[in-house]
Amino acid sequence: MNPGSQPDPEIFALLQDLWQRHLPSTRERLELLEQAVHKAVSNTLDEDTRVEAQSVAHKLSGNLGMFGYKDAGEIAGEIEHLFKTFVPSATPQLTSYMERLRVLLQGHI
């Protein structure tokens, strides 16, 4: 959890606990997104994977924002949009966003 703007200590402790409990699903979602991006790069992205990636990015966007990772949440929202309207020419941008998301979350997940 991002300690940048801390609520009172009791609420902060509860949010930290909740973040820790959500870490496994957050990691899994990031891995699913990473796999979808790799498929996009290799031109093997199928419709089911695209739809799943869009949904996962949407969930990540909300969860990351809720836990104080505003920039990471916004990047996940951009990834969601790219998967929603996916065209092969967007692959470099998608790759760039995914790399940025990993950098923003490095040390937090």
N, C-alpha and C. Protein backbone atom coordinates (compact mmCIF):
# COMPACT_ATOMS: atom_id res chain seq x y z
N MET A 1 0.84 -1.17 0.00
CA MET A 1 0.00 0.00 0.00
C MET A 1 0.88 1.23 0.00
N ASN A 2 0.45 2.25 -0.69
CA ASN A 2 1.21 3.48 -0.82
C ASN A 2 1.03 4.34 0.42
N PRO A 3 2.09 4.55 1.19
CA PRO A 3 1.96 5.32 2.42
C PRO A 3 1.99 6.83 2.21
N GLY A 4 1.87 7.30 0.99
CA GLY A 4 1.96 8.73 0.69
C GLY A 4 0.96 9.59 1.43
N SER A 5 -0.27 9.17 1.51
CA SER A 5 -1.28 9.93 2.22
C SER A 5 -1.97 8.99 3.20
N GLN A 6 -1.43 8.92 4.41
CA GLN A 6 -1.89 7.95 5.38
C GLN A 6 -3.12 8.44 6.13
N PRO A 7 -4.15 7.57 6.23
CA PRO A 7 -5.27 7.87 7.10
C PRO A 7 -4.84 7.62 8.55
N ASP A 8 -5.75 7.67 9.48
CA ASP A 8 -5.35 7.44 10.87
C ASP A 8 -4.73 6.04 10.98
N PRO A 9 -3.89 5.83 11.99
CA PRO A 9 -3.12 4.59 12.08
C PRO A 9 -3.96 3.31 12.07
N GLU A 10 -5.12 3.32 12.67
CA GLU A 10 -5.96 2.12 12.71
C GLU A 10 -6.48 1.78 11.31
N ILE A 11 -6.94 2.78 10.60
CA ILE A 11 -7.43 2.56 9.23
C ILE A 11 -6.27 2.14 8.33
N PHE A 12 -5.12 2.79 8.50
CA PHE A 12 -3.95 2.44 7.71
C PHE A 12 -3.57 0.98 7.92
N ALA A 13 -3.60 0.51 9.17
CA ALA A 13 -3.27 -0.89 9.47
C ALA A 13 -4.27 -1.84 8.80
N LEU A 14 -5.54 -1.47 8.83
CA LEU A 14 -6.55 -2.30 8.17
C LEU A 14 -6.34 -2.35 6.67
N LEU A 15 -6.02 -1.21 6.07
CA LEU A 15 -5.77 -1.16 4.63
C LEU A 15 -4.52 -1.96 4.26
N GLN A 16 -3.49 -1.88 5.09
CA GLN A 16 -2.28 -2.66 4.83
C GLN A 16 -2.59 -4.15 4.87
N ASP A 17 -3.39 -4.57 5.85
CA ASP A 17 -3.77 -5.97 5.95
C ASP A 17 -4.56 -6.40 4.72
N LEU A 18 -5.49 -5.58 4.31
CA LEU A 18 -6.29 -5.88 3.13
C LEU A 18 -5.42 -5.96 1.88
N TRP A 19 -4.47 -5.04 1.73
CA TRP A 19 -3.54 -5.06 0.60
C TRP A 19 -2.76 -6.38 0.59
N GLN A 20 -2.26 -6.80 1.77
CA GLN A 20 -1.50 -8.04 1.85
C GLN A 20 -2.36 -9.24 1.43
N ARG A 21 -3.62 -9.22 1.80
CA ARG A 21 -4.50 -10.33 1.43
C ARG A 21 -4.83 -10.32 -0.06
N HIS A 22 -4.77 -9.14 -0.70
CA HIS A 22 -5.05 -9.04 -2.14
C HIS A 22 -3.82 -9.25 -3.02
N LEU A 23 -2.64 -9.31 -2.41
CA LEU A 23 -1.41 -9.45 -3.20
C LEU A 23 -1.40 -10.68 -4.11
N PRO A 24 -1.81 -11.85 -3.65
CA PRO A 24 -1.78 -13.01 -4.57
C PRO A 24 -2.64 -12.79 -5.82
N SER A 25 -3.84 -12.25 -5.65
CA SER A 25 -4.69 -12.03 -6.84
C SER A 25 -4.14 -10.90 -7.69
N THR A 26 -3.52 -9.90 -7.07
CA THR A 26 -2.90 -8.82 -7.85
C THR A 26 -1.75 -9.36 -8.68
N ARG A 27 -0.93 -10.19 -8.09
CA ARG A 27 0.19 -10.80 -8.82
C ARG A 27 -0.32 -11.66 -9.98
N GLU A 28 -1.37 -12.43 -9.70
CA GLU A 28 -1.95 -13.28 -10.74
C GLU A 28 -2.49 -12.44 -11.89
N ARG A 29 -3.15 -11.35 -11.57
CA ARG A 29 -3.69 -10.47 -12.61
C ARG A 29 -2.57 -9.86 -13.45
N LEU A 30 -1.51 -9.45 -12.79
CA LEU A 30 -0.37 -8.89 -13.53
C LEU A 30 0.23 -9.93 -14.46
N GLU A 31 0.33 -11.15 -13.99
CA GLU A 31 0.87 -12.23 -14.83
C GLU A 31 -0.03 -12.49 -16.03
N LEU A 32 -1.34 -12.51 -15.82
CA LEU A 32 -2.28 -12.70 -16.93
C LEU A 32 -2.14 -11.57 -17.95
N LEU A 33 -2.00 -10.35 -17.46
CA LEU A 33 -1.81 -9.22 -18.39
C LEU A 33 -0.52 -9.37 -19.16
N GLU A 34 0.53 -9.76 -18.46
CA GLU A 34 1.84 -9.95 -19.10
C GLU A 34 1.73 -11.00 -20.21
N GLN A 35 1.04 -12.09 -19.95
CA GLN A 35 0.86 -13.13 -20.95
C GLN A 35 0.07 -12.62 -22.16
N ALA A 36 -0.97 -11.83 -21.90
CA ALA A 36 -1.77 -11.28 -22.99
C ALA A 36 -0.94 -10.33 -23.84
N VAL A 37 -0.10 -9.53 -23.19
CA VAL A 37 0.77 -8.62 -23.94
C VAL A 37 1.74 -9.41 -24.81
N HIS A 38 2.29 -10.48 -24.26
CA HIS A 38 3.21 -11.33 -25.05
C HIS A 38 2.49 -11.92 -26.26
N LYS A 39 1.24 -12.32 -26.07
CA LYS A 39 0.47 -12.85 -27.19
C LYS A 39 0.22 -11.76 -28.24
N ALA A 40 -0.04 -10.55 -27.78
CA ALA A 40 -0.25 -9.44 -28.72
C ALA A 40 1.03 -9.19 -29.52
N VAL A 41 2.16 -9.22 -28.83
CA VAL A 41 3.46 -9.00 -29.49
C VAL A 41 3.73 -10.09 -30.52
N SER A 42 3.40 -11.32 -30.18
CA SER A 42 3.67 -12.44 -31.10
C SER A 42 2.53 -12.66 -32.09
N ASN A 43 1.57 -11.75 -32.10
CA ASN A 43 0.43 -11.80 -33.03
C ASN A 43 -0.39 -13.08 -32.86
N THR A 44 -0.51 -13.54 -31.61
CA THR A 44 -1.31 -14.74 -31.31
C THR A 44 -2.42 -14.44 -30.30
N LEU A 45 -2.76 -13.18 -30.17
CA LEU A 45 -3.81 -12.78 -29.22
C LEU A 45 -5.16 -13.20 -29.77
N ASP A 46 -5.82 -14.11 -29.04
CA ASP A 46 -7.16 -14.54 -29.46
C ASP A 46 -8.22 -13.72 -28.72
N GLU A 47 -9.44 -13.84 -29.16
CA GLU A 47 -10.53 -13.03 -28.61
C GLU A 47 -10.76 -13.31 -27.12
N ASP A 48 -10.73 -14.55 -26.71
CA ASP A 48 -10.94 -14.87 -25.30
C ASP A 48 -9.87 -14.23 -24.42
N THR A 49 -8.63 -14.30 -24.84
CA THR A 49 -7.54 -13.71 -24.08
C THR A 49 -7.66 -12.19 -24.05
N ARG A 50 -8.06 -11.60 -25.17
CA ARG A 50 -8.23 -10.14 -25.22
C ARG A 50 -9.31 -9.69 -24.23
N VAL A 51 -10.43 -10.40 -24.23
CA VAL A 51 -11.54 -10.04 -23.33
C VAL A 51 -11.13 -10.23 -21.87
N GLU A 52 -10.44 -11.33 -21.59
CA GLU A 52 -9.97 -11.58 -20.23
C GLU A 52 -8.99 -10.50 -19.79
N ALA A 53 -8.07 -10.13 -20.67
CA ALA A 53 -7.08 -9.09 -20.34
C ALA A 53 -7.76 -7.75 -20.08
N GLN A 54 -8.75 -7.43 -20.86
CA GLN A 54 -9.50 -6.19 -20.64
C GLN A 54 -10.14 -6.19 -19.26
N SER A 55 -10.77 -7.31 -18.89
CA SER A 55 -11.43 -7.43 -17.59
C SER A 55 -10.43 -7.36 -16.45
N VAL A 56 -9.31 -8.06 -16.59
CA VAL A 56 -8.27 -8.06 -15.57
C VAL A 56 -7.69 -6.66 -15.39
N ALA A 57 -7.44 -5.96 -16.48
CA ALA A 57 -6.90 -4.60 -16.40
C ALA A 57 -7.90 -3.68 -15.70
N HIS A 58 -9.18 -3.88 -15.96
CA HIS A 58 -10.22 -3.07 -15.31
C HIS A 58 -10.20 -3.30 -13.80
N LYS A 59 -10.12 -4.55 -13.39
CA LYS A 59 -10.07 -4.87 -11.96
C LYS A 59 -8.82 -4.30 -11.31
N LEU A 60 -7.70 -4.44 -11.99
CA LEU A 60 -6.45 -3.90 -11.46
C LEU A 60 -6.52 -2.39 -11.30
N SER A 61 -7.09 -1.73 -12.29
CA SER A 61 -7.20 -0.28 -12.25
C SER A 61 -7.94 0.17 -10.99
N GLY A 62 -9.06 -0.46 -10.71
CA GLY A 62 -9.83 -0.10 -9.53
C GLY A 62 -9.12 -0.45 -8.24
N ASN A 63 -8.57 -1.65 -8.16
CA ASN A 63 -7.90 -2.08 -6.94
C ASN A 63 -6.66 -1.24 -6.64
N LEU A 64 -5.86 -0.99 -7.65
CA LEU A 64 -4.64 -0.21 -7.42
C LEU A 64 -4.98 1.20 -6.97
N GLY A 65 -5.98 1.79 -7.59
CA GLY A 65 -6.40 3.13 -7.18
C GLY A 65 -6.92 3.15 -5.76
N MET A 66 -7.67 2.13 -5.38
CA MET A 66 -8.24 2.05 -4.05
C MET A 66 -7.15 1.97 -2.97
N PHE A 67 -6.05 1.31 -3.31
CA PHE A 67 -4.97 1.15 -2.34
C PHE A 67 -3.91 2.25 -2.44
N GLY A 68 -4.20 3.29 -3.18
CA GLY A 68 -3.31 4.45 -3.20
C GLY A 68 -2.28 4.47 -4.32
N TYR A 69 -2.33 3.51 -5.22
CA TYR A 69 -1.39 3.48 -6.34
C TYR A 69 -2.06 4.13 -7.55
N LYS A 70 -2.25 5.43 -7.43
CA LYS A 70 -3.01 6.17 -8.45
C LYS A 70 -2.40 6.04 -9.84
N ASP A 71 -1.10 6.29 -9.97
CA ASP A 71 -0.45 6.22 -11.28
C ASP A 71 -0.55 4.82 -11.89
N ALA A 72 -0.32 3.80 -11.06
CA ALA A 72 -0.41 2.42 -11.54
C ALA A 72 -1.85 2.11 -11.96
N GLY A 73 -2.81 2.60 -11.20
CA GLY A 73 -4.22 2.40 -11.55
C GLY A 73 -4.57 3.04 -12.88
N GLU A 74 -4.02 4.23 -13.11
CA GLU A 74 -4.28 4.92 -14.39
C GLU A 74 -3.64 4.16 -15.56
N ILE A 75 -2.45 3.64 -15.35
CA ILE A 75 -1.79 2.86 -16.40
C ILE A 75 -2.61 1.59 -16.69
N ALA A 76 -3.09 0.93 -15.65
CA ALA A 76 -3.94 -0.25 -15.85
C ALA A 76 -5.19 0.13 -16.63
N GLY A 77 -5.73 1.32 -16.38
CA GLY A 77 -6.89 1.79 -17.13
C GLY A 77 -6.56 1.99 -18.61
N GLU A 78 -5.36 2.48 -18.89
CA GLU A 78 -4.92 2.64 -20.28
C GLU A 78 -4.78 1.28 -20.95
N ILE A 79 -4.24 0.31 -20.21
CA ILE A 79 -4.10 -1.04 -20.75
C ILE A 79 -5.49 -1.62 -21.04
N GLU A 80 -6.42 -1.39 -20.11
CA GLU A 80 -7.80 -1.84 -20.33
C GLU A 80 -8.35 -1.27 -21.63
N HIS A 81 -8.16 0.02 -21.83
CA HIS A 81 -8.67 0.68 -23.05
C HIS A 81 -8.03 0.08 -24.31
N LEU A 82 -6.72 -0.16 -24.25
CA LEU A 82 -6.03 -0.72 -25.42
C LEU A 82 -6.53 -2.13 -25.75
N PHE A 83 -6.81 -2.92 -24.72
CA PHE A 83 -7.36 -4.25 -24.99
C PHE A 83 -8.80 -4.17 -25.46
N LYS A 84 -9.53 -3.18 -24.97
CA LYS A 84 -10.93 -3.02 -25.40
C LYS A 84 -11.02 -2.69 -26.87
N THR A 85 -10.12 -1.86 -27.34
CA THR A 85 -10.15 -1.40 -28.73
C THR A 85 -8.93 -1.94 -29.49
N PHE A 86 -8.47 -3.13 -29.13
CA PHE A 86 -7.19 -3.63 -29.62
C PHE A 86 -7.09 -3.66 -31.14
N VAL A 87 -5.99 -3.08 -31.60
CA VAL A 87 -5.54 -3.19 -32.98
C VAL A 87 -4.04 -3.50 -32.92
N PRO A 88 -3.54 -4.32 -33.82
CA PRO A 88 -2.12 -4.70 -33.76
C PRO A 88 -1.15 -3.52 -33.70
N SER A 89 -1.50 -2.41 -34.30
CA SER A 89 -0.59 -1.26 -34.28
C SER A 89 -0.43 -0.66 -32.88
N ALA A 90 -1.29 -1.04 -31.93
CA ALA A 90 -1.20 -0.54 -30.55
C ALA A 90 -0.26 -1.37 -29.69
N THR A 91 0.29 -2.44 -30.25
CA THR A 91 1.14 -3.33 -29.47
C THR A 91 2.34 -2.62 -28.83
N PRO A 92 3.06 -1.74 -29.52
CA PRO A 92 4.18 -1.06 -28.85
C PRO A 92 3.72 -0.23 -27.65
N GLN A 93 2.59 0.43 -27.78
CA GLN A 93 2.07 1.23 -26.66
C GLN A 93 1.65 0.31 -25.51
N LEU A 94 1.03 -0.79 -25.84
CA LEU A 94 0.62 -1.76 -24.83
C LEU A 94 1.84 -2.29 -24.08
N THR A 95 2.88 -2.61 -24.81
CA THR A 95 4.12 -3.10 -24.21
C THR A 95 4.73 -2.04 -23.29
N SER A 96 4.73 -0.81 -23.74
CA SER A 96 5.28 0.29 -22.95
C SER A 96 4.49 0.48 -21.66
N TYR A 97 3.17 0.45 -21.74
CA TYR A 97 2.34 0.59 -20.54
C TYR A 97 2.59 -0.56 -19.56
N MET A 98 2.71 -1.76 -20.07
CA MET A 98 2.93 -2.91 -19.20
C MET A 98 4.27 -2.78 -18.48
N GLU A 99 5.30 -2.35 -19.19
CA GLU A 99 6.61 -2.15 -18.57
C GLU A 99 6.52 -1.07 -17.50
N ARG A 100 5.81 0.01 -17.80
CA ARG A 100 5.66 1.10 -16.82
C ARG A 100 4.89 0.63 -15.59
N LEU A 101 3.87 -0.18 -15.78
CA LEU A 101 3.10 -0.70 -14.66
C LEU A 101 3.99 -1.53 -13.75
N ARG A 102 4.80 -2.39 -14.35
CA ARG A 102 5.72 -3.22 -13.55
C ARG A 102 6.70 -2.34 -12.76
N VAL A 103 7.22 -1.30 -13.38
CA VAL A 103 8.17 -0.41 -12.71
C VAL A 103 7.47 0.31 -11.54
N LEU A 104 6.26 0.80 -11.77
CA LEU A 104 5.54 1.51 -10.72
C LEU A 104 5.23 0.62 -9.52
N LEU A 105 5.03 -0.67 -9.77
CA LEU A 105 4.67 -1.58 -8.68
C LEU A 105 5.86 -2.34 -8.10
N GLN A 106 7.03 -2.13 -8.71
CA GLN A 106 8.22 -2.82 -8.23
C GLN A 106 8.46 -2.48 -6.75
N GLY A 107 8.65 -3.51 -5.96
CA GLY A 107 8.88 -3.32 -4.54
C GLY A 107 7.59 -3.25 -3.72
N HIS A 108 6.46 -3.25 -4.40
CA HIS A 108 5.18 -3.18 -3.71
C HIS A 108 4.36 -4.46 -3.84
N ILE A 109 4.78 -5.31 -4.78
CA ILE A 109 3.99 -6.53 -4.99
C ILE A 109 4.79 -7.79 -4.74
